[in-house]
């Protein structure tokens, strides 16, 4: 039986389902409205705070912090950068396969 822990760092857990749902709705709004998309690409936090069409996107503070520095030229580029940032949230920066 294998009992070695998967990580050596403390793991912070939260329900990412709510954030993922809000991100999907946010990206859908950006895909269907070019003005909202431009706002998201240039100031993601303000775009989230403003909402779209009366809908609010409730994201955790951690996800907002990961989204804040993203500046992108296109929606696919924004999605790629957001995906990278969210992936780093789940995997420690000093993680290597050799250690495990």
PDB file of N, CA and C in Angstrom:
ATOM      1  N   UNK A   1       0.845  -1.186   0.000  1.00  0.00           N
ATOM      2  CA  UNK A   1       0.000   0.000   0.000  1.00  0.00           C
ATOM      3  C   UNK A   1       0.883   1.239   0.000  1.00  0.00           C
ATOM      4  N   UNK A   2       0.571   2.183  -0.860  1.00  0.00           N
ATOM      5  CA  UNK A   2       1.347   3.414  -1.004  1.00  0.00           C
ATOM      6  C   UNK A   2       0.783   4.476  -0.084  1.00  0.00           C
ATOM      7  N   UNK A   3       1.604   4.971   0.855  1.00  0.00           N
ATOM      8  CA  UNK A   3       1.098   5.940   1.826  1.00  0.00           C
ATOM      9  C   UNK A   3       1.837   7.271   1.800  1.00  0.00           C
ATOM     10  N   UNK A   4       2.742   7.455   0.864  1.00  0.00           N
ATOM     11  CA  UNK A   4       3.482   8.712   0.785  1.00  0.00           C
ATOM     12  C   UNK A   4       2.524   9.854   0.441  1.00  0.00           C
ATOM     13  N   UNK A   5       2.581  10.971   1.164  1.00  0.00           N
ATOM     14  CA  UNK A   5       1.691  12.100   0.854  1.00  0.00           C
ATOM     15  C   UNK A   5       1.995  12.656  -0.534  1.00  0.00           C
ATOM     16  N   UNK A   6       0.968  13.156  -1.180  1.00  0.00           N
ATOM     17  CA  UNK A   6       1.135  13.702  -2.521  1.00  0.00           C
ATOM     18  C   UNK A   6       1.869  15.040  -2.526  1.00  0.00           C
ATOM     19  N   UNK A   7       1.720  15.809  -1.466  1.00  0.00           N
ATOM     20  CA  UNK A   7       2.398  17.102  -1.389  1.00  0.00           C
ATOM     21  C   UNK A   7       3.034  17.265  -0.027  1.00  0.00           C
ATOM     22  N   UNK A   8       4.001  18.121   0.007  1.00  0.00           N
ATOM     23  CA  UNK A   8       4.641  18.448   1.281  1.00  0.00           C
ATOM     24  C   UNK A   8       4.160  19.789   1.815  1.00  0.00           C
ATOM     25  N   UNK A   9       3.472  20.548   0.966  1.00  0.00           N
ATOM     26  CA  UNK A   9       2.966  21.852   1.364  1.00  0.00           C
ATOM     27  C   UNK A   9       1.564  21.704   1.946  1.00  0.00           C
ATOM     28  N   UNK A  10       1.218  22.674   2.767  1.00  0.00           N
ATOM     29  CA  UNK A  10      -0.157  22.725   3.261  1.00  0.00           C
ATOM     30  C   UNK A  10      -1.062  23.014   2.076  1.00  0.00           C
ATOM     31  N   UNK A  11      -2.180  22.366   2.030  1.00  0.00           N
ATOM     32  CA  UNK A  11      -3.108  22.542   0.923  1.00  0.00           C
ATOM     33  C   UNK A  11      -4.305  23.341   1.409  1.00  0.00           C
ATOM     34  N   UNK A  12      -4.588  24.422   0.704  1.00  0.00           N
ATOM     35  CA  UNK A  12      -5.755  25.235   1.006  1.00  0.00           C
ATOM     36  C   UNK A  12      -6.859  24.789   0.061  1.00  0.00           C
ATOM     37  N   UNK A  13      -7.983  24.400   0.620  1.00  0.00           N
ATOM     38  CA  UNK A  13      -9.074  23.951  -0.234  1.00  0.00           C
ATOM     39  C   UNK A  13     -10.218  24.951  -0.176  1.00  0.00           C
ATOM     40  N   UNK A  14     -10.884  25.082  -1.276  1.00  0.00           N
ATOM     41  CA  UNK A  14     -12.092  25.895  -1.337  1.00  0.00           C
ATOM     42  C   UNK A  14     -12.947  25.321  -2.456  1.00  0.00           C
ATOM     43  N   UNK A  15     -14.172  25.708  -2.483  1.00  0.00           N
ATOM     44  CA  UNK A  15     -15.058  25.202  -3.504  1.00  0.00           C
ATOM     45  C   UNK A  15     -14.832  25.996  -4.782  1.00  0.00           C
ATOM     46  N   UNK A  16     -14.100  25.402  -5.709  1.00  0.00           N
ATOM     47  CA  UNK A  16     -13.785  26.072  -6.968  1.00  0.00           C
ATOM     48  C   UNK A  16     -14.956  26.024  -7.936  1.00  0.00           C
ATOM     49  N   UNK A  17     -15.962  25.210  -7.645  1.00  0.00           N
ATOM     50  CA  UNK A  17     -17.102  25.080  -8.556  1.00  0.00           C
ATOM     51  C   UNK A  17     -17.810  26.423  -8.754  1.00  0.00           C
ATOM     52  N   UNK A  18     -17.958  27.196  -7.685  1.00  0.00           N
ATOM     53  CA  UNK A  18     -18.621  28.504  -7.797  1.00  0.00           C
ATOM     54  C   UNK A  18     -17.807  29.453  -8.674  1.00  0.00           C
ATOM     55  N   UNK A  19     -16.489  29.476  -8.462  1.00  0.00           N
ATOM     56  CA  UNK A  19     -15.630  30.330  -9.286  1.00  0.00           C
ATOM     57  C   UNK A  19     -15.668  29.890 -10.745  1.00  0.00           C
ATOM     58  N   UNK A  20     -15.600  28.596 -10.987  1.00  0.00           N
ATOM     59  CA  UNK A  20     -15.601  28.105 -12.359  1.00  0.00           C
ATOM     60  C   UNK A  20     -16.911  28.439 -13.066  1.00  0.00           C
ATOM     61  N   UNK A  21     -18.018  28.342 -12.357  1.00  0.00           N
ATOM     62  CA  UNK A  21     -19.307  28.703 -12.930  1.00  0.00           C
ATOM     63  C   UNK A  21     -19.342  30.190 -13.290  1.00  0.00           C
ATOM     64  N   UNK A  22     -18.864  31.029 -12.383  1.00  0.00           N
ATOM     65  CA  UNK A  22     -18.838  32.475 -12.632  1.00  0.00           C
ATOM     66  C   UNK A  22     -17.887  32.807 -13.789  1.00  0.00           C
ATOM     67  N   UNK A  23     -16.762  32.118 -13.862  1.00  0.00           N
ATOM     68  CA  UNK A  23     -15.806  32.357 -14.952  1.00  0.00           C
ATOM     69  C   UNK A  23     -16.430  31.970 -16.290  1.00  0.00           C
ATOM     70  N   UNK A  24     -17.131  30.854 -16.326  1.00  0.00           N
ATOM     71  CA  UNK A  24     -17.801  30.448 -17.575  1.00  0.00           C
ATOM     72  C   UNK A  24     -18.803  31.511 -18.033  1.00  0.00           C
ATOM     73  N   UNK A  25     -19.597  32.026 -17.093  1.00  0.00           N
ATOM     74  CA  UNK A  25     -20.587  33.046 -17.445  1.00  0.00           C
ATOM     75  C   UNK A  25     -19.903  34.342 -17.869  1.00  0.00           C
ATOM     76  N   UNK A  26     -18.815  34.705 -17.197  1.00  0.00           N
ATOM     77  CA  UNK A  26     -18.033  35.892 -17.527  1.00  0.00           C
ATOM     78  C   UNK A  26     -17.471  35.794 -18.937  1.00  0.00           C
ATOM     79  N   UNK A  27     -16.889  34.647 -19.262  1.00  0.00           N
ATOM     80  CA  UNK A  27     -16.305  34.457 -20.592  1.00  0.00           C
ATOM     81  C   UNK A  27     -17.380  34.408 -21.672  1.00  0.00           C
ATOM     82  N   UNK A  28     -18.542  33.877 -21.341  1.00  0.00           N
ATOM     83  CA  UNK A  28     -19.652  33.874 -22.290  1.00  0.00           C
ATOM     84  C   UNK A  28     -20.093  35.302 -22.581  1.00  0.00           C
ATOM     85  N   UNK A  29     -20.191  36.118 -21.552  1.00  0.00           N
ATOM     86  CA  UNK A  29     -20.556  37.523 -21.742  1.00  0.00           C
ATOM     87  C   UNK A  29     -19.540  38.225 -22.638  1.00  0.00           C
ATOM     88  N   UNK A  30     -18.256  37.959 -22.416  1.00  0.00           N
ATOM     89  CA  UNK A  30     -17.212  38.571 -23.243  1.00  0.00           C
ATOM     90  C   UNK A  30     -17.279  38.077 -24.684  1.00  0.00           C
ATOM     91  N   UNK A  31     -17.653  36.820 -24.865  1.00  0.00           N
ATOM     92  CA  UNK A  31     -17.731  36.257 -26.221  1.00  0.00           C
ATOM     93  C   UNK A  31     -18.893  36.839 -27.020  1.00  0.00           C
ATOM     94  N   UNK A  32     -19.961  37.214 -26.341  1.00  0.00           N
ATOM     95  CA  UNK A  32     -21.134  37.704 -27.077  1.00  0.00           C
ATOM     96  C   UNK A  32     -21.207  39.225 -27.176  1.00  0.00           C
ATOM     97  N   UNK A  33     -20.351  39.938 -26.431  1.00  0.00           N
ATOM     98  CA  UNK A  33     -20.403  41.396 -26.452  1.00  0.00           C
ATOM     99  C   UNK A  33     -18.989  41.956 -26.555  1.00  0.00           C
ATOM    100  N   UNK A  34     -18.664  42.564 -27.678  1.00  0.00           N
ATOM    101  CA  UNK A  34     -17.298  43.034 -27.925  1.00  0.00           C
ATOM    102  C   UNK A  34     -16.877  44.156 -26.968  1.00  0.00           C
ATOM    103  N   UNK A  35     -17.797  45.020 -26.568  1.00  0.00           N
ATOM    104  CA  UNK A  35     -17.439  46.094 -25.628  1.00  0.00           C
ATOM    105  C   UNK A  35     -17.071  45.510 -24.257  1.00  0.00           C
ATOM    106  N   UNK A  36     -17.873  44.545 -23.812  1.00  0.00           N
ATOM    107  CA  UNK A  36     -17.557  43.909 -22.528  1.00  0.00           C
ATOM    108  C   UNK A  36     -16.249  43.126 -22.629  1.00  0.00           C
ATOM    109  N   UNK A  37     -16.027  42.512 -23.766  1.00  0.00           N
ATOM    110  CA  UNK A  37     -14.782  41.771 -23.980  1.00  0.00           C
ATOM    111  C   UNK A  37     -13.575  42.707 -23.860  1.00  0.00           C
ATOM    112  N   UNK A  38     -13.643  43.874 -24.480  1.00  0.00           N
ATOM    113  CA  UNK A  38     -12.534  44.829 -24.405  1.00  0.00           C
ATOM    114  C   UNK A  38     -12.290  45.267 -22.965  1.00  0.00           C
ATOM    115  N   UNK A  39     -13.358  45.469 -22.219  1.00  0.00           N
ATOM    116  CA  UNK A  39     -13.221  45.835 -20.809  1.00  0.00           C
ATOM    117  C   UNK A  39     -12.508  44.714 -20.041  1.00  0.00           C
ATOM    118  N   UNK A  40     -12.916  43.472 -20.293  1.00  0.00           N
ATOM    119  CA  UNK A  40     -12.294  42.329 -19.621  1.00  0.00           C
ATOM    120  C   UNK A  40     -10.818  42.215 -19.971  1.00  0.00           C
ATOM    121  N   UNK A  41     -10.478  42.435 -21.223  1.00  0.00           N
ATOM    122  CA  UNK A  41      -9.088  42.308 -21.660  1.00  0.00           C
ATOM    123  C   UNK A  41      -8.186  43.377 -21.060  1.00  0.00           C
ATOM    124  N   UNK A  42      -8.734  44.564 -20.812  1.00  0.00           N
ATOM    125  CA  UNK A  42      -7.923  45.683 -20.336  1.00  0.00           C
ATOM    126  C   UNK A  42      -8.003  45.924 -18.838  1.00  0.00           C
ATOM    127  N   UNK A  43      -9.090  45.512 -18.203  1.00  0.00           N
ATOM    128  CA  UNK A  43      -9.236  45.686 -16.754  1.00  0.00           C
ATOM    129  C   UNK A  43     -10.179  44.612 -16.213  1.00  0.00           C
ATOM    130  N   UNK A  44      -9.653  43.387 -16.055  1.00  0.00           N
ATOM    131  CA  UNK A  44     -10.513  42.267 -15.668  1.00  0.00           C
ATOM    132  C   UNK A  44     -11.260  42.473 -14.351  1.00  0.00           C
ATOM    133  N   UNK A  45     -10.615  43.056 -13.369  1.00  0.00           N
ATOM    134  CA  UNK A  45     -11.269  43.229 -12.064  1.00  0.00           C
ATOM    135  C   UNK A  45     -12.446  44.186 -12.189  1.00  0.00           C
ATOM    136  N   UNK A  46     -12.251  45.272 -12.920  1.00  0.00           N
ATOM    137  CA  UNK A  46     -13.357  46.218 -13.115  1.00  0.00           C
ATOM    138  C   UNK A  46     -14.491  45.568 -13.894  1.00  0.00           C
ATOM    139  N   UNK A  47     -14.152  44.759 -14.893  1.00  0.00           N
ATOM    140  CA  UNK A  47     -15.181  44.054 -15.670  1.00  0.00           C
ATOM    141  C   UNK A  47     -15.987  43.120 -14.769  1.00  0.00           C
ATOM    142  N   UNK A  48     -15.311  42.419 -13.878  1.00  0.00           N
ATOM    143  CA  UNK A  48     -16.009  41.523 -12.947  1.00  0.00           C
ATOM    144  C   UNK A  48     -16.897  42.334 -12.015  1.00  0.00           C
ATOM    145  N   UNK A  49     -16.365  43.413 -11.469  1.00  0.00           N
ATOM    146  CA  UNK A  49     -17.125  44.230 -10.529  1.00  0.00           C
ATOM    147  C   UNK A  49     -18.337  44.885 -11.192  1.00  0.00           C
ATOM    148  N   UNK A  50     -18.204  45.293 -12.449  1.00  0.00           N
ATOM    149  CA  UNK A  50     -19.308  45.941 -13.165  1.00  0.00           C
ATOM    150  C   UNK A  50     -20.392  44.942 -13.554  1.00  0.00           C
ATOM    151  N   UNK A  51     -20.009  43.696 -13.768  1.00  0.00           N
ATOM    152  CA  UNK A  51     -20.978  42.706 -14.229  1.00  0.00           C
ATOM    153  C   UNK A  51     -21.362  42.977 -15.668  1.00  0.00           C
ATOM    154  N   UNK A  52     -22.374  42.253 -16.151  1.00  0.00           N
ATOM    155  CA  UNK A  52     -22.804  42.409 -17.534  1.00  0.00           C
ATOM    156  C   UNK A  52     -24.298  42.152 -17.636  1.00  0.00           C
ATOM    157  N   UNK A  53     -25.012  43.084 -18.227  1.00  0.00           N
ATOM    158  CA  UNK A  53     -26.437  42.909 -18.458  1.00  0.00           C
ATOM    159  C   UNK A  53     -27.230  42.620 -17.197  1.00  0.00           C
ATOM    160  N   UNK A  54     -26.832  43.235 -16.100  1.00  0.00           N
ATOM    161  CA  UNK A  54     -27.522  43.013 -14.834  1.00  0.00           C
ATOM    162  C   UNK A  54     -27.044  41.788 -14.068  1.00  0.00           C
ATOM    163  N   UNK A  55     -26.160  41.014 -14.669  1.00  0.00           N
ATOM    164  CA  UNK A  55     -25.637  39.817 -14.001  1.00  0.00           C
ATOM    165  C   UNK A  55     -24.320  40.140 -13.309  1.00  0.00           C
ATOM    166  N   UNK A  56     -24.180  39.661 -12.089  1.00  0.00           N
ATOM    167  CA  UNK A  56     -22.951  39.843 -11.326  1.00  0.00           C
ATOM    168  C   UNK A  56     -22.147  38.543 -11.337  1.00  0.00           C
ATOM    169  N   UNK A  57     -20.829  38.679 -11.352  1.00  0.00           N
ATOM    170  CA  UNK A  57     -19.941  37.526 -11.344  1.00  0.00           C
ATOM    171  C   UNK A  57     -19.217  37.507 -10.000  1.00  0.00           C
ATOM    172  N   UNK A  58     -19.638  36.623  -9.129  1.00  0.00           N
ATOM    173  CA  UNK A  58     -19.075  36.543  -7.787  1.00  0.00           C
ATOM    174  C   UNK A  58     -17.897  35.575  -7.792  1.00  0.00           C
ATOM    175  N   UNK A  59     -16.692  36.146  -7.701  1.00  0.00           N
ATOM    176  CA  UNK A  59     -15.466  35.357  -7.687  1.00  0.00           C
ATOM    177  C   UNK A  59     -14.776  35.512  -6.343  1.00  0.00           C
ATOM    178  N   UNK A  60     -14.058  34.478  -5.946  1.00  0.00           N
ATOM    179  CA  UNK A  60     -13.304  34.546  -4.697  1.00  0.00           C
ATOM    180  C   UNK A  60     -12.204  35.596  -4.832  1.00  0.00           C
ATOM    181  N   UNK A  61     -11.761  36.094  -3.706  1.00  0.00           N
ATOM    182  CA  UNK A  61     -10.688  37.088  -3.691  1.00  0.00           C
ATOM    183  C   UNK A  61      -9.424  36.523  -4.336  1.00  0.00           C
ATOM    184  N   UNK A  62      -9.153  35.244  -4.105  1.00  0.00           N
ATOM    185  CA  UNK A  62      -7.969  34.614  -4.680  1.00  0.00           C
ATOM    186  C   UNK A  62      -8.048  34.601  -6.208  1.00  0.00           C
ATOM    187  N   UNK A  63      -9.196  34.253  -6.748  1.00  0.00           N
ATOM    188  CA  UNK A  63      -9.354  34.215  -8.197  1.00  0.00           C
ATOM    189  C   UNK A  63      -9.260  35.618  -8.786  1.00  0.00           C
ATOM    190  N   UNK A  64      -9.844  36.601  -8.110  1.00  0.00           N
ATOM    191  CA  UNK A  64      -9.722  37.992  -8.576  1.00  0.00           C
ATOM    192  C   UNK A  64      -8.266  38.439  -8.593  1.00  0.00           C
ATOM    193  N   UNK A  65      -7.515  38.055  -7.578  1.00  0.00           N
ATOM    194  CA  UNK A  65      -6.091  38.419  -7.523  1.00  0.00           C
ATOM    195  C   UNK A  65      -5.311  37.773  -8.657  1.00  0.00           C
ATOM    196  N   UNK A  66      -5.675  36.558  -9.020  1.00  0.00           N
ATOM    197  CA  UNK A  66      -5.006  35.875 -10.128  1.00  0.00           C
ATOM    198  C   UNK A  66      -5.390  36.489 -11.475  1.00  0.00           C
ATOM    199  N   UNK A  67      -6.579  37.046 -11.541  1.00  0.00           N
ATOM    200  CA  UNK A  67      -7.079  37.636 -12.769  1.00  0.00           C
ATOM    201  C   UNK A  67      -6.588  39.073 -12.958  1.00  0.00           C
ATOM    202  N   UNK A  68      -6.339  39.773 -11.875  1.00  0.00           N
ATOM    203  CA  UNK A  68      -6.035  41.206 -11.913  1.00  0.00           C
ATOM    204  C   UNK A  68      -4.884  41.600 -12.844  1.00  0.00           C
ATOM    205  N   UNK A  69      -3.764  40.902 -12.838  1.00  0.00           N
ATOM    206  CA  UNK A  69      -2.642  41.363 -13.677  1.00  0.00           C
ATOM    207  C   UNK A  69      -2.753  40.986 -15.155  1.00  0.00           C
ATOM    208  N   UNK A  70      -3.759  40.236 -15.528  1.00  0.00           N
ATOM    209  CA  UNK A  70      -3.858  39.771 -16.911  1.00  0.00           C
ATOM    210  C   UNK A  70      -4.257  40.925 -17.832  1.00  0.00           C
ATOM    211  N   UNK A  71      -3.447  41.124 -18.856  1.00  0.00           N
ATOM    212  CA  UNK A  71      -3.769  42.043 -19.948  1.00  0.00           C
ATOM    213  C   UNK A  71      -3.554  41.237 -21.214  1.00  0.00           C
ATOM    214  N   UNK A  72      -4.559  41.175 -22.046  1.00  0.00           N
ATOM    215  CA  UNK A  72      -4.487  40.326 -23.231  1.00  0.00           C
ATOM    216  C   UNK A  72      -4.998  41.067 -24.454  1.00  0.00           C
ATOM    217  N   UNK A  73      -4.560  40.609 -25.622  1.00  0.00           N
ATOM    218  CA  UNK A  73      -4.974  41.219 -26.878  1.00  0.00           C
ATOM    219  C   UNK A  73      -6.237  40.582 -27.438  1.00  0.00           C
ATOM    220  N   UNK A  74      -6.559  39.389 -26.969  1.00  0.00           N
ATOM    221  CA  UNK A  74      -7.736  38.682 -27.485  1.00  0.00           C
ATOM    222  C   UNK A  74      -8.336  37.827 -26.375  1.00  0.00           C
ATOM    223  N   UNK A  75      -9.580  37.427 -26.569  1.00  0.00           N
ATOM    224  CA  UNK A  75     -10.238  36.577 -25.579  1.00  0.00           C
ATOM    225  C   UNK A  75      -9.532  35.224 -25.440  1.00  0.00           C
ATOM    226  N   UNK A  76      -9.132  34.563 -26.543  1.00  0.00           N
ATOM    227  CA  UNK A  76      -8.390  33.310 -26.373  1.00  0.00           C
ATOM    228  C   UNK A  76      -7.085  33.492 -25.582  1.00  0.00           C
ATOM    229  N   UNK A  77      -6.397  34.608 -25.808  1.00  0.00           N
ATOM    230  CA  UNK A  77      -5.173  34.886 -25.052  1.00  0.00           C
ATOM    231  C   UNK A  77      -5.496  35.079 -23.573  1.00  0.00           C
ATOM    232  N   UNK A  78      -6.569  35.799 -23.282  1.00  0.00           N
ATOM    233  CA  UNK A  78      -6.991  35.997 -21.893  1.00  0.00           C
ATOM    234  C   UNK A  78      -7.292  34.657 -21.228  1.00  0.00           C
ATOM    235  N   UNK A  79      -8.035  33.810 -21.934  1.00  0.00           N
ATOM    236  CA  UNK A  79      -8.389  32.495 -21.389  1.00  0.00           C
ATOM    237  C   UNK A  79      -7.144  31.673 -21.120  1.00  0.00           C
ATOM    238  N   UNK A  80      -6.188  31.699 -22.037  1.00  0.00           N
ATOM    239  CA  UNK A  80      -4.936  30.958 -21.857  1.00  0.00           C
ATOM    240  C   UNK A  80      -4.190  31.439 -20.612  1.00  0.00           C
ATOM    241  N   UNK A  81      -4.069  32.755 -20.466  1.00  0.00           N
ATOM    242  CA  UNK A  81      -3.349  33.306 -19.302  1.00  0.00           C
ATOM    243  C   UNK A  81      -4.090  33.015 -17.994  1.00  0.00           C
ATOM    244  N   UNK A  82      -5.405  33.121 -18.016  1.00  0.00           N
ATOM    245  CA  UNK A  82      -6.184  32.818 -16.823  1.00  0.00           C
ATOM    246  C   UNK A  82      -6.022  31.349 -16.444  1.00  0.00           C
ATOM    247  N   UNK A  83      -6.055  30.481 -17.430  1.00  0.00           N
ATOM    248  CA  UNK A  83      -5.864  29.056 -17.187  1.00  0.00           C
ATOM    249  C   UNK A  83      -4.508  28.786 -16.547  1.00  0.00           C
ATOM    250  N   UNK A  84      -3.459  29.440 -17.057  1.00  0.00           N
ATOM    251  CA  UNK A  84      -2.126  29.281 -16.467  1.00  0.00           C
ATOM    252  C   UNK A  84      -2.117  29.745 -15.014  1.00  0.00           C
ATOM    253  N   UNK A  85      -2.688  30.912 -14.750  1.00  0.00           N
ATOM    254  CA  UNK A  85      -2.710  31.450 -13.387  1.00  0.00           C
ATOM    255  C   UNK A  85      -3.480  30.540 -12.436  1.00  0.00           C
ATOM    256  N   UNK A  86      -4.614  30.039 -12.885  1.00  0.00           N
ATOM    257  CA  UNK A  86      -5.399  29.145 -12.037  1.00  0.00           C
ATOM    258  C   UNK A  86      -4.682  27.824 -11.818  1.00  0.00           C
ATOM    259  N   UNK A  87      -3.953  27.342 -12.812  1.00  0.00           N
ATOM    260  CA  UNK A  87      -3.190  26.103 -12.661  1.00  0.00           C
ATOM    261  C   UNK A  87      -2.104  26.265 -11.611  1.00  0.00           C
ATOM    262  N   UNK A  88      -1.429  27.411 -11.594  1.00  0.00           N
ATOM    263  CA  UNK A  88      -0.380  27.649 -10.604  1.00  0.00           C
ATOM    264  C   UNK A  88      -0.948  27.708  -9.197  1.00  0.00           C
ATOM    265  N   UNK A  89      -2.209  28.088  -9.075  1.00  0.00           N
ATOM    266  CA  UNK A  89      -2.858  28.118  -7.766  1.00  0.00           C
ATOM    267  C   UNK A  89      -2.953  26.707  -7.193  1.00  0.00           C
ATOM    268  N   UNK A  90      -3.134  25.728  -8.054  1.00  0.00           N
ATOM    269  CA  UNK A  90      -3.338  24.354  -7.606  1.00  0.00           C
ATOM    270  C   UNK A  90      -2.047  23.564  -7.497  1.00  0.00           C
ATOM    271  N   UNK A  91      -0.983  23.987  -8.196  1.00  0.00           N
ATOM    272  CA  UNK A  91       0.294  23.272  -8.174  1.00  0.00           C
ATOM    273  C   UNK A  91       1.350  24.200  -7.585  1.00  0.00           C
ATOM    274  N   UNK A  92       2.082  23.774  -6.549  1.00  0.00           N
ATOM    275  CA  UNK A  92       3.121  24.619  -5.967  1.00  0.00           C
ATOM    276  C   UNK A  92       4.168  24.996  -7.009  1.00  0.00           C
ATOM    277  N   UNK A  93       4.691  26.225  -6.932  1.00  0.00           N
ATOM    278  CA  UNK A  93       5.675  26.696  -7.894  1.00  0.00           C
ATOM    279  C   UNK A  93       6.957  25.882  -7.861  1.00  0.00           C
ATOM    280  N   UNK A  94       7.302  25.314  -6.708  1.00  0.00           N
ATOM    281  CA  UNK A  94       8.546  24.557  -6.601  1.00  0.00           C
ATOM    282  C   UNK A  94       8.342  23.069  -6.845  1.00  0.00           C
ATOM    283  N   UNK A  95       7.210  22.686  -7.408  1.00  0.00           N
ATOM    284  CA  UNK A  95       6.884  21.285  -7.656  1.00  0.00           C
ATOM    285  C   UNK A  95       7.734  20.726  -8.791  1.00  0.00           C
ATOM    286  N   UNK A  96       8.331  19.579  -8.574  1.00  0.00           N
ATOM    287  CA  UNK A  96       9.031  18.861  -9.634  1.00  0.00           C
ATOM    288  C   UNK A  96       8.688  17.387  -9.510  1.00  0.00           C
ATOM    289  N   UNK A  97       8.642  16.714 -10.627  1.00  0.00           N
ATOM    290  CA  UNK A  97       8.357  15.293 -10.614  1.00  0.00           C
ATOM    291  C   UNK A  97       9.452  14.508  -9.904  1.00  0.00           C
ATOM    292  N   UNK A  98      10.692  15.003  -9.955  1.00  0.00           N
ATOM    293  CA  UNK A  98      11.810  14.302  -9.338  1.00  0.00           C
ATOM    294  C   UNK A  98      11.652  14.197  -7.823  1.00  0.00           C
ATOM    295  N   UNK A  99      10.944  15.155  -7.224  1.00  0.00           N
ATOM    296  CA  UNK A  99      10.762  15.155  -5.769  1.00  0.00           C
ATOM    297  C   UNK A  99       9.724  14.137  -5.328  1.00  0.00           C
ATOM    298  N   UNK A 100       8.940  13.588  -6.256  1.00  0.00           N
ATOM    299  CA  UNK A 100       7.796  12.763  -5.850  1.00  0.00           C
ATOM    300  C   UNK A 100       7.893  11.376  -6.373  1.00  0.00           C
TER     301      UNK A 100
END
